[in-house]
């Protein structure tokens, strides 16, 4: 099994991601089928492996902090008529152990061995610690 990792641009916290997905992706006037779809330029060549239980791991300010299961892929054509890849994601957002990840463009493959371990499903009411504190607590084995 293989996963993807991607920067969560515009979001500083997992709560920001949840709010964005609730406002934009699930809004019936914007998204009639109400799926959570993240649009990216490149289509993964390892699509079949990703659909075998793979997830999209989100990087917030230099740390992987959450993931969402990949449910499928859809061709998306924008107003500019450029074909893009829509990654269909599960509604469930799972917190992960904080793992440092340097900035990069687009997305990258992430093996299961490289992926941080899961914590729990994230709720919008959860209190989030600052990213730097989460990393330090993780290094100490507290998280």
Protein backbone atom coordinates (compact mmCIF):
# COMPACT_ATOMS: atom_id res chain seq x y z
CA UNK A 1 0.00 0.00 0.00
CA UNK A 2 1.13 3.53 -0.76
CA UNK A 3 -0.07 6.96 0.37
CA UNK A 4 0.22 10.56 -0.74
CA UNK A 5 1.52 13.49 1.29
CA UNK A 6 0.60 17.09 0.46
CA UNK A 7 0.99 20.52 2.00
CA UNK A 8 -2.26 21.86 3.40
CA UNK A 9 -1.84 25.31 1.87
CA UNK A 10 -3.82 28.06 3.58
CA UNK A 11 -4.50 26.03 6.72
CA UNK A 12 -2.41 26.35 9.87
CA UNK A 13 -4.25 23.68 11.85
CA UNK A 14 -6.37 20.57 11.34
CA UNK A 15 -9.37 22.64 12.49
CA UNK A 16 -8.74 25.01 9.58
CA UNK A 17 -8.88 22.04 7.17
CA UNK A 18 -12.17 20.85 8.65
CA UNK A 19 -13.69 24.33 8.40
CA UNK A 20 -12.54 24.73 4.80
CA UNK A 21 -13.92 21.34 3.79
CA UNK A 22 -17.22 22.08 5.54
CA UNK A 23 -17.60 25.49 3.92
CA UNK A 24 -16.34 24.84 0.41
CA UNK A 25 -16.47 21.16 -0.40
CA UNK A 26 -19.77 20.24 1.25
CA UNK A 27 -21.65 23.35 0.16
CA UNK A 28 -24.34 22.12 -2.28
CA UNK A 29 -24.17 25.34 -4.31
CA UNK A 30 -20.44 24.75 -4.90
CA UNK A 31 -20.39 20.95 -4.87
CA UNK A 32 -23.68 19.31 -5.85
CA UNK A 33 -22.54 15.75 -5.11
CA UNK A 34 -21.21 16.84 -1.69
CA UNK A 35 -18.04 14.76 -2.01
CA UNK A 36 -14.81 15.93 -0.49
CA UNK A 37 -12.57 16.37 -3.52
CA UNK A 38 -9.09 17.85 -3.44
CA UNK A 39 -8.01 18.99 -6.89
CA UNK A 40 -4.38 18.69 -7.92
CA UNK A 41 -2.62 19.09 -11.24
CA UNK A 42 -0.98 15.68 -11.62
CA UNK A 43 -2.71 12.29 -11.77
CA UNK A 44 -0.90 9.62 -9.68
CA UNK A 45 0.61 6.82 -11.76
CA UNK A 46 0.22 4.46 -8.79
CA UNK A 47 -3.55 4.97 -8.64
CA UNK A 48 -4.39 1.28 -8.04
CA UNK A 49 -2.05 1.08 -5.04
CA UNK A 50 -3.52 4.26 -3.58
CA UNK A 51 -7.04 2.85 -3.89
CA UNK A 52 -5.99 -0.21 -1.88
CA UNK A 53 -6.39 1.60 1.46
CA UNK A 54 -4.10 4.58 0.82
CA UNK A 55 -4.52 7.96 2.49
CA UNK A 56 -3.67 11.58 1.82
CA UNK A 57 -1.43 12.82 4.65
CA UNK A 58 -1.67 16.56 5.30
CA UNK A 59 1.33 18.75 6.20
CA UNK A 60 0.63 21.83 8.35
CA UNK A 61 3.49 24.30 8.85
CA UNK A 62 6.20 21.67 8.43
CA UNK A 63 4.48 18.79 10.27
CA UNK A 64 2.32 15.90 9.10
CA UNK A 65 -0.62 16.07 11.54
CA UNK A 66 -3.57 14.35 9.87
CA UNK A 67 -4.73 12.04 7.10
CA UNK A 68 -7.85 11.21 5.10
CA UNK A 69 -8.49 7.93 3.29
CA UNK A 70 -8.46 8.15 -0.51
CA UNK A 71 -11.76 6.84 -1.90
CA UNK A 72 -11.22 7.50 -5.59
CA UNK A 73 -10.08 9.80 -8.36
CA UNK A 74 -12.11 11.95 -10.75
CA UNK A 75 -11.15 13.91 -13.83
CA UNK A 76 -11.76 17.61 -13.19
CA UNK A 77 -11.75 20.18 -15.99
CA UNK A 78 -11.43 23.77 -14.80
CA UNK A 79 -12.72 26.98 -16.34
CA UNK A 80 -9.32 27.19 -18.07
CA UNK A 81 -10.13 23.82 -19.74
CA UNK A 82 -7.08 22.17 -18.18
CA UNK A 83 -7.60 18.58 -17.03
CA UNK A 84 -6.73 17.95 -13.39
CA UNK A 85 -7.01 15.12 -10.87
CA UNK A 86 -9.70 15.25 -8.21
CA UNK A 87 -8.75 13.14 -5.20
CA UNK A 88 -11.97 11.96 -3.53
CA UNK A 89 -11.43 11.80 0.24
CA UNK A 90 -13.23 10.29 3.20
CA UNK A 91 -15.06 12.75 5.46
CA UNK A 92 -13.20 11.29 8.43
CA UNK A 93 -10.02 13.16 9.36
CA UNK A 94 -7.63 11.14 11.51
CA UNK A 95 -4.99 12.83 13.65
CA UNK A 96 -1.50 11.41 13.35
CA UNK A 97 1.63 11.61 15.43
CA UNK A 98 3.43 14.81 14.43
CA UNK A 99 6.14 14.09 11.87
CA UNK A 100 8.39 16.78 10.37
CA UNK A 101 8.15 17.24 6.61
CA UNK A 102 9.96 19.93 4.65
CA UNK A 103 8.09 22.03 2.13
CA UNK A 104 7.70 20.74 -1.43
CA UNK A 105 5.47 21.41 -4.42
CA UNK A 106 2.55 19.22 -5.43
CA UNK A 107 2.27 15.87 -3.71
CA UNK A 108 4.68 13.02 -2.99
CA UNK A 109 4.27 9.30 -2.42
CA UNK A 110 4.59 8.15 1.19
CA UNK A 111 5.12 4.50 2.08
CA UNK A 112 3.33 2.94 5.01
CA UNK A 113 6.70 2.56 6.76
CA UNK A 114 7.36 6.31 6.39
CA UNK A 115 3.86 7.36 7.50
CA UNK A 116 3.25 8.55 11.07
CA UNK A 117 1.03 6.44 13.29
CA UNK A 118 -2.61 7.33 13.84
CA UNK A 119 -3.96 8.99 16.97
CA UNK A 120 -7.73 9.31 16.61
CA UNK A 121 -10.50 10.82 14.54
CA UNK A 122 -10.34 14.59 14.76
CA UNK A 123 -13.30 16.65 15.88
CA UNK A 124 -13.73 20.37 15.25
CA UNK A 125 -14.21 20.79 19.02
CA UNK A 126 -10.78 19.32 19.85
CA UNK A 127 -8.27 21.71 21.35
CA UNK A 128 -5.12 21.86 19.25
CA UNK A 129 -1.70 22.37 20.73
CA UNK A 130 0.73 24.55 18.79
CA UNK A 131 2.59 22.53 16.14
CA UNK A 132 6.00 23.07 17.77
CA UNK A 133 4.67 21.80 21.13
CA UNK A 134 3.11 18.75 19.46
CA UNK A 135 6.46 17.92 17.86
CA UNK A 136 8.38 18.25 21.14
CA UNK A 137 5.84 16.13 23.04
CA UNK A 138 6.03 13.52 20.29
CA UNK A 139 9.83 13.42 20.56
CA UNK A 140 9.48 12.86 24.32
CA UNK A 141 7.02 10.02 23.72
CA UNK A 142 4.12 11.84 25.41
CA UNK A 143 2.04 12.00 22.20
